[in-house]
Amino acid sequence: RTGRTVQEWIVERRMAEARSLLLGTDLAVQEVAARVGIADPGYFTRVFRHAHGDSPRTWRAKQVRTA
């Protein structure tokens, strides 16, 4: 038992993969969304922002600046 719903677990896994793709590739946000199984880039951005406090593009830029 994880204390999370299946949906929450799926979103967490997708966001982990998205972070990896954002840091390790130069793929566009739309392509990252598609690769983690989210067809709507706008929805992906909303979910990512909810999970991380920034849009995927802003999050990536901040990570690059601090690396």
PDB file of N, CA and C in Angstrom:
ATOM      1  N   ARG A   1       0.835  -1.191   0.000  1.00  0.00           N
ATOM      2  CA  ARG A   1       0.000   0.000   0.000  1.00  0.00           C
ATOM      3  C   ARG A   1       0.873   1.246   0.000  1.00  0.00           C
ATOM      4  N   THR A   2       0.493   2.187  -0.820  1.00  0.00           N
ATOM      5  CA  THR A   2       1.307   3.394  -0.965  1.00  0.00           C
ATOM      6  C   THR A   2       0.628   4.637  -0.412  1.00  0.00           C
ATOM      7  N   GLY A   3      -0.666   4.543  -0.079  1.00  0.00           N
ATOM      8  CA  GLY A   3      -1.393   5.720   0.368  1.00  0.00           C
ATOM      9  C   GLY A   3      -1.797   6.622  -0.779  1.00  0.00           C
ATOM     10  N   ARG A   4      -1.619   6.128  -2.006  1.00  0.00           N
ATOM     11  CA  ARG A   4      -1.977   6.902  -3.198  1.00  0.00           C
ATOM     12  C   ARG A   4      -2.947   6.089  -4.033  1.00  0.00           C
ATOM     13  N   THR A   5      -3.748   6.798  -4.812  1.00  0.00           N
ATOM     14  CA  THR A   5      -4.615   6.110  -5.757  1.00  0.00           C
ATOM     15  C   THR A   5      -3.788   5.665  -6.955  1.00  0.00           C
ATOM     16  N   VAL A   6      -4.358   4.779  -7.743  1.00  0.00           N
ATOM     17  CA  VAL A   6      -3.679   4.338  -8.963  1.00  0.00           C
ATOM     18  C   VAL A   6      -3.416   5.539  -9.866  1.00  0.00           C
ATOM     19  N   GLN A   7      -4.402   6.422 -10.002  1.00  0.00           N
ATOM     20  CA  GLN A   7      -4.241   7.606 -10.848  1.00  0.00           C
ATOM     21  C   GLN A   7      -3.091   8.485 -10.358  1.00  0.00           C
ATOM     22  N   GLU A   8      -2.998   8.693  -9.052  1.00  0.00           N
ATOM     23  CA  GLU A   8      -1.897   9.496  -8.503  1.00  0.00           C
ATOM     24  C   GLU A   8      -0.551   8.844  -8.803  1.00  0.00           C
ATOM     25  N   TRP A   9      -0.480   7.528  -8.678  1.00  0.00           N
ATOM     26  CA  TRP A   9       0.756   6.812  -8.958  1.00  0.00           C
ATOM     27  C   TRP A   9       1.150   6.963 -10.423  1.00  0.00           C
ATOM     28  N   ILE A  10       0.160   6.835 -11.314  1.00  0.00           N
ATOM     29  CA  ILE A  10       0.426   6.983 -12.750  1.00  0.00           C
ATOM     30  C   ILE A  10       0.955   8.379 -13.051  1.00  0.00           C
ATOM     31  N   VAL A  11       0.322   9.398 -12.493  1.00  0.00           N
ATOM     32  CA  VAL A  11       0.766  10.778 -12.726  1.00  0.00           C
ATOM     33  C   VAL A  11       2.184  10.969 -12.199  1.00  0.00           C
ATOM     34  N   GLU A  12       2.481  10.438 -11.016  1.00  0.00           N
ATOM     35  CA  GLU A  12       3.833  10.558 -10.463  1.00  0.00           C
ATOM     36  C   GLU A  12       4.867   9.914 -11.379  1.00  0.00           C
ATOM     37  N   ARG A  13       4.569   8.738 -11.901  1.00  0.00           N
ATOM     38  CA  ARG A  13       5.495   8.060 -12.816  1.00  0.00           C
ATOM     39  C   ARG A  13       5.675   8.868 -14.097  1.00  0.00           C
ATOM     40  N   ARG A  14       4.579   9.396 -14.630  1.00  0.00           N
ATOM     41  CA  ARG A  14       4.671  10.207 -15.848  1.00  0.00           C
ATOM     42  C   ARG A  14       5.493  11.464 -15.604  1.00  0.00           C
ATOM     43  N   MET A  15       5.314  12.102 -14.457  1.00  0.00           N
ATOM     44  CA  MET A  15       6.069  13.318 -14.161  1.00  0.00           C
ATOM     45  C   MET A  15       7.547  12.994 -13.946  1.00  0.00           C
ATOM     46  N   ALA A  16       7.854  11.855 -13.361  1.00  0.00           N
ATOM     47  CA  ALA A  16       9.257  11.450 -13.199  1.00  0.00           C
ATOM     48  C   ALA A  16       9.907  11.263 -14.567  1.00  0.00           C
ATOM     49  N   GLU A  17       9.208  10.598 -15.469  1.00  0.00           N
ATOM     50  CA  GLU A  17       9.741  10.401 -16.820  1.00  0.00           C
ATOM     51  C   GLU A  17       9.856  11.744 -17.542  1.00  0.00           C
ATOM     52  N   ALA A  18       8.876  12.622 -17.348  1.00  0.00           N
ATOM     53  CA  ALA A  18       8.919  13.946 -17.978  1.00  0.00           C
ATOM     54  C   ALA A  18      10.139  14.728 -17.493  1.00  0.00           C
ATOM     55  N   ARG A  19      10.410  14.705 -16.191  1.00  0.00           N
ATOM     56  CA  ARG A  19      11.595  15.396 -15.666  1.00  0.00           C
ATOM     57  C   ARG A  19      12.858  14.857 -16.312  1.00  0.00           C
ATOM     58  N   SER A  20      12.937  13.548 -16.434  1.00  0.00           N
ATOM     59  CA  SER A  20      14.104  12.926 -17.060  1.00  0.00           C
ATOM     60  C   SER A  20      14.263  13.377 -18.507  1.00  0.00           C
ATOM     61  N   LEU A  21      13.177  13.398 -19.250  1.00  0.00           N
ATOM     62  CA  LEU A  21      13.236  13.831 -20.650  1.00  0.00           C
ATOM     63  C   LEU A  21      13.566  15.314 -20.770  1.00  0.00           C
ATOM     64  N   LEU A  22      13.003  16.131 -19.885  1.00  0.00           N
ATOM     65  CA  LEU A  22      13.274  17.569 -19.940  1.00  0.00           C
ATOM     66  C   LEU A  22      14.746  17.861 -19.660  1.00  0.00           C
ATOM     67  N   LEU A  23      15.338  17.118 -18.736  1.00  0.00           N
ATOM     68  CA  LEU A  23      16.745  17.343 -18.398  1.00  0.00           C
ATOM     69  C   LEU A  23      17.703  16.688 -19.382  1.00  0.00           C
ATOM     70  N   GLY A  24      17.341  15.526 -19.876  1.00  0.00           N
ATOM     71  CA  GLY A  24      18.273  14.740 -20.664  1.00  0.00           C
ATOM     72  C   GLY A  24      18.175  14.893 -22.164  1.00  0.00           C
ATOM     73  N   THR A  25      17.192  15.648 -22.630  1.00  0.00           N
ATOM     74  CA  THR A  25      17.004  15.834 -24.067  1.00  0.00           C
ATOM     75  C   THR A  25      16.680  17.291 -24.347  1.00  0.00           C
ATOM     76  N   ASP A  26      16.650  17.632 -25.627  1.00  0.00           N
ATOM     77  CA  ASP A  26      16.191  18.972 -26.006  1.00  0.00           C
ATOM     78  C   ASP A  26      14.829  18.888 -26.701  1.00  0.00           C
ATOM     79  N   LEU A  27      14.063  17.845 -26.377  1.00  0.00           N
ATOM     80  CA  LEU A  27      12.734  17.678 -26.966  1.00  0.00           C
ATOM     81  C   LEU A  27      11.826  18.844 -26.594  1.00  0.00           C
ATOM     82  N   ALA A  28      10.944  19.199 -27.503  1.00  0.00           N
ATOM     83  CA  ALA A  28       9.931  20.210 -27.217  1.00  0.00           C
ATOM     84  C   ALA A  28       8.974  19.669 -26.156  1.00  0.00           C
ATOM     85  N   VAL A  29       8.359  20.564 -25.408  1.00  0.00           N
ATOM     86  CA  VAL A  29       7.417  20.173 -24.364  1.00  0.00           C
ATOM     87  C   VAL A  29       6.305  19.306 -24.950  1.00  0.00           C
ATOM     88  N   GLN A  30       5.835  19.631 -26.122  1.00  0.00           N
ATOM     89  CA  GLN A  30       4.783  18.850 -26.774  1.00  0.00           C
ATOM     90  C   GLN A  30       5.236  17.405 -26.988  1.00  0.00           C
ATOM     91  N   GLU A  31       6.477  17.211 -27.385  1.00  0.00           N
ATOM     92  CA  GLU A  31       7.007  15.865 -27.604  1.00  0.00           C
ATOM     93  C   GLU A  31       7.200  15.131 -26.281  1.00  0.00           C
ATOM     94  N   VAL A  32       7.653  15.838 -25.251  1.00  0.00           N
ATOM     95  CA  VAL A  32       7.784  15.222 -23.928  1.00  0.00           C
ATOM     96  C   VAL A  32       6.413  14.740 -23.460  1.00  0.00           C
ATOM     97  N   ALA A  33       5.403  15.583 -23.621  1.00  0.00           N
ATOM     98  CA  ALA A  33       4.042  15.202 -23.230  1.00  0.00           C
ATOM     99  C   ALA A  33       3.622  13.920 -23.931  1.00  0.00           C
ATOM    100  N   ALA A  34       3.836  13.868 -25.229  1.00  0.00           N
ATOM    101  CA  ALA A  34       3.447  12.685 -26.000  1.00  0.00           C
ATOM    102  C   ALA A  34       4.204  11.447 -25.527  1.00  0.00           C
ATOM    103  N   ARG A  35       5.471  11.593 -25.232  1.00  0.00           N
ATOM    104  CA  ARG A  35       6.286  10.433 -24.826  1.00  0.00           C
ATOM    105  C   ARG A  35       5.907   9.886 -23.455  1.00  0.00           C
ATOM    106  N   VAL A  36       5.311  10.733 -22.617  1.00  0.00           N
ATOM    107  CA  VAL A  36       4.865  10.237 -21.307  1.00  0.00           C
ATOM    108  C   VAL A  36       3.385   9.869 -21.317  1.00  0.00           C
ATOM    109  N   GLY A  37       2.776   9.882 -22.498  1.00  0.00           N
ATOM    110  CA  GLY A  37       1.410   9.391 -22.627  1.00  0.00           C
ATOM    111  C   GLY A  37       0.321  10.415 -22.438  1.00  0.00           C
ATOM    112  N   ILE A  38       0.659  11.696 -22.570  1.00  0.00           N
ATOM    113  CA  ILE A  38      -0.349  12.752 -22.449  1.00  0.00           C
ATOM    114  C   ILE A  38      -0.442  13.452 -23.793  1.00  0.00           C
ATOM    115  N   ALA A  39      -1.569  13.261 -24.469  1.00  0.00           N
ATOM    116  CA  ALA A  39      -1.726  13.749 -25.840  1.00  0.00           C
ATOM    117  C   ALA A  39      -1.918  15.260 -25.927  1.00  0.00           C
ATOM    118  N   ASP A  40      -2.467  15.857 -24.884  1.00  0.00           N
ATOM    119  CA  ASP A  40      -2.770  17.293 -24.893  1.00  0.00           C
ATOM    120  C   ASP A  40      -1.657  18.053 -24.166  1.00  0.00           C
ATOM    121  N   PRO A  41      -0.834  18.812 -24.912  1.00  0.00           N
ATOM    122  CA  PRO A  41       0.271  19.538 -24.267  1.00  0.00           C
ATOM    123  C   PRO A  41      -0.201  20.539 -23.213  1.00  0.00           C
ATOM    124  N   GLY A  42      -1.365  21.131 -23.419  1.00  0.00           N
ATOM    125  CA  GLY A  42      -1.899  22.063 -22.423  1.00  0.00           C
ATOM    126  C   GLY A  42      -2.208  21.367 -21.108  1.00  0.00           C
ATOM    127  N   TYR A  43      -2.806  20.201 -21.202  1.00  0.00           N
ATOM    128  CA  TYR A  43      -3.093  19.409 -20.005  1.00  0.00           C
ATOM    129  C   TYR A  43      -1.790  18.981 -19.329  1.00  0.00           C
ATOM    130  N   PHE A  44      -0.823  18.554 -20.125  1.00  0.00           N
ATOM    131  CA  PHE A  44       0.484  18.175 -19.579  1.00  0.00           C
ATOM    132  C   PHE A  44       1.093  19.341 -18.803  1.00  0.00           C
ATOM    133  N   THR A  45       1.047  20.532 -19.380  1.00  0.00           N
ATOM    134  CA  THR A  45       1.606  21.706 -18.711  1.00  0.00           C
ATOM    135  C   THR A  45       0.894  21.972 -17.394  1.00  0.00           C
ATOM    136  N   ARG A  46      -0.438  21.854 -17.373  1.00  0.00           N
ATOM    137  CA  ARG A  46      -1.188  22.073 -16.127  1.00  0.00           C
ATOM    138  C   ARG A  46      -0.806  21.043 -15.057  1.00  0.00           C
ATOM    139  N   VAL A  47      -0.719  19.778 -15.450  1.00  0.00           N
ATOM    140  CA  VAL A  47      -0.362  18.725 -14.494  1.00  0.00           C
ATOM    141  C   VAL A  47       1.065  18.930 -13.990  1.00  0.00           C
ATOM    142  N   PHE A  48       1.983  19.251 -14.892  1.00  0.00           N
ATOM    143  CA  PHE A  48       3.374  19.472 -14.507  1.00  0.00           C
ATOM    144  C   PHE A  48       3.475  20.669 -13.560  1.00  0.00           C
ATOM    145  N   ARG A  49       2.778  21.753 -13.873  1.00  0.00           N
ATOM    146  CA  ARG A  49       2.816  22.947 -13.017  1.00  0.00           C
ATOM    147  C   ARG A  49       2.258  22.629 -11.630  1.00  0.00           C
ATOM    148  N   HIS A  50       1.182  21.859 -11.586  1.00  0.00           N
ATOM    149  CA  HIS A  50       0.592  21.481 -10.300  1.00  0.00           C
ATOM    150  C   HIS A  50       1.596  20.663  -9.472  1.00  0.00           C
ATOM    151  N   ALA A  51       2.318  19.767 -10.125  1.00  0.00           N
ATOM    152  CA  ALA A  51       3.264  18.892  -9.429  1.00  0.00           C
ATOM    153  C   ALA A  51       4.557  19.598  -9.035  1.00  0.00           C
ATOM    154  N   HIS A  52       5.006  20.576  -9.856  1.00  0.00           N
ATOM    155  CA  HIS A  52       6.343  21.150  -9.657  1.00  0.00           C
ATOM    156  C   HIS A  52       6.377  22.662  -9.429  1.00  0.00           C
ATOM    157  N   GLY A  53       5.241  23.327  -9.550  1.00  0.00           N
ATOM    158  CA  GLY A  53       5.195  24.758  -9.274  1.00  0.00           C
ATOM    159  C   GLY A  53       5.610  25.644 -10.427  1.00  0.00           C
ATOM    160  N   ASP A  54       6.067  25.061 -11.512  1.00  0.00           N
ATOM    161  CA  ASP A  54       6.484  25.806 -12.705  1.00  0.00           C
ATOM    162  C   ASP A  54       6.025  25.051 -13.943  1.00  0.00           C
ATOM    163  N   SER A  55       5.944  25.774 -15.051  1.00  0.00           N
ATOM    164  CA  SER A  55       5.669  25.114 -16.324  1.00  0.00           C
ATOM    165  C   SER A  55       6.877  24.256 -16.693  1.00  0.00           C
ATOM    166  N   PRO A  56       6.701  23.275 -17.570  1.00  0.00           N
ATOM    167  CA  PRO A  56       7.852  22.459 -17.974  1.00  0.00           C
ATOM    168  C   PRO A  56       9.000  23.293 -18.543  1.00  0.00           C
ATOM    169  N   ARG A  57       8.684  24.281 -19.350  1.00  0.00           N
ATOM    170  CA  ARG A  57       9.726  25.114 -19.961  1.00  0.00           C
ATOM    171  C   ARG A  57      10.498  25.891 -18.895  1.00  0.00           C
ATOM    172  N   THR A  58       9.774  26.492 -17.945  1.00  0.00           N
ATOM    173  CA  THR A  58      10.419  27.254 -16.877  1.00  0.00           C
ATOM    174  C   THR A  58      11.231  26.333 -15.973  1.00  0.00           C
ATOM    175  N   TRP A  59      10.669  25.177 -15.635  1.00  0.00           N
ATOM    176  CA  TRP A  59      11.369  24.210 -14.790  1.00  0.00           C
ATOM    177  C   TRP A  59      12.679  23.783 -15.434  1.00  0.00           C
ATOM    178  N   ARG A  60      12.632  23.487 -16.726  1.00  0.00           N
ATOM    179  CA  ARG A  60      13.843  23.073 -17.454  1.00  0.00           C
ATOM    180  C   ARG A  60      14.888  24.190 -17.413  1.00  0.00           C
ATOM    181  N   ALA A  61      14.468  25.417 -17.666  1.00  0.00           N
ATOM    182  CA  ALA A  61      15.405  26.545 -17.673  1.00  0.00           C
ATOM    183  C   ALA A  61      16.056  26.723 -16.299  1.00  0.00           C
ATOM    184  N   LYS A  62      15.278  26.587 -15.239  1.00  0.00           N
ATOM    185  CA  LYS A  62      15.831  26.716 -13.890  1.00  0.00           C
ATOM    186  C   LYS A  62      16.828  25.602 -13.595  1.00  0.00           C
ATOM    187  N   GLN A  63      16.529  24.389 -14.038  1.00  0.00           N
ATOM    188  CA  GLN A  63      17.437  23.265 -13.809  1.00  0.00           C
ATOM    189  C   GLN A  63      18.750  23.465 -14.560  1.00  0.00           C
ATOM    190  N   VAL A  64      18.670  23.960 -15.768  1.00  0.00           N
ATOM    191  CA  VAL A  64      19.871  24.196 -16.577  1.00  0.00           C
ATOM    192  C   VAL A  64      20.732  25.278 -15.929  1.00  0.00           C
ATOM    193  N   ARG A  65      20.085  26.334 -15.407  1.00  0.00           N
ATOM    194  CA  ARG A  65      20.832  27.428 -14.766  1.00  0.00           C
ATOM    195  C   ARG A  65      21.547  26.971 -13.504  1.00  0.00           C
ATOM    196  N   THR A  66      20.941  26.029 -12.768  1.00  0.00           N
ATOM    197  CA  THR A  66      21.552  25.602 -11.507  1.00  0.00           C
ATOM    198  C   THR A  66      22.522  24.443 -11.688  1.00  0.00           C
ATOM    199  N   ALA A  67      22.593  23.894 -12.882  1.00  0.00           N
ATOM    200  CA  ALA A  67      23.497  22.749 -13.121  1.00  0.00           C
ATOM    201  C   ALA A  67      24.911  23.208 -13.380  1.00  0.00           C
TER     202      ALA A  67
END
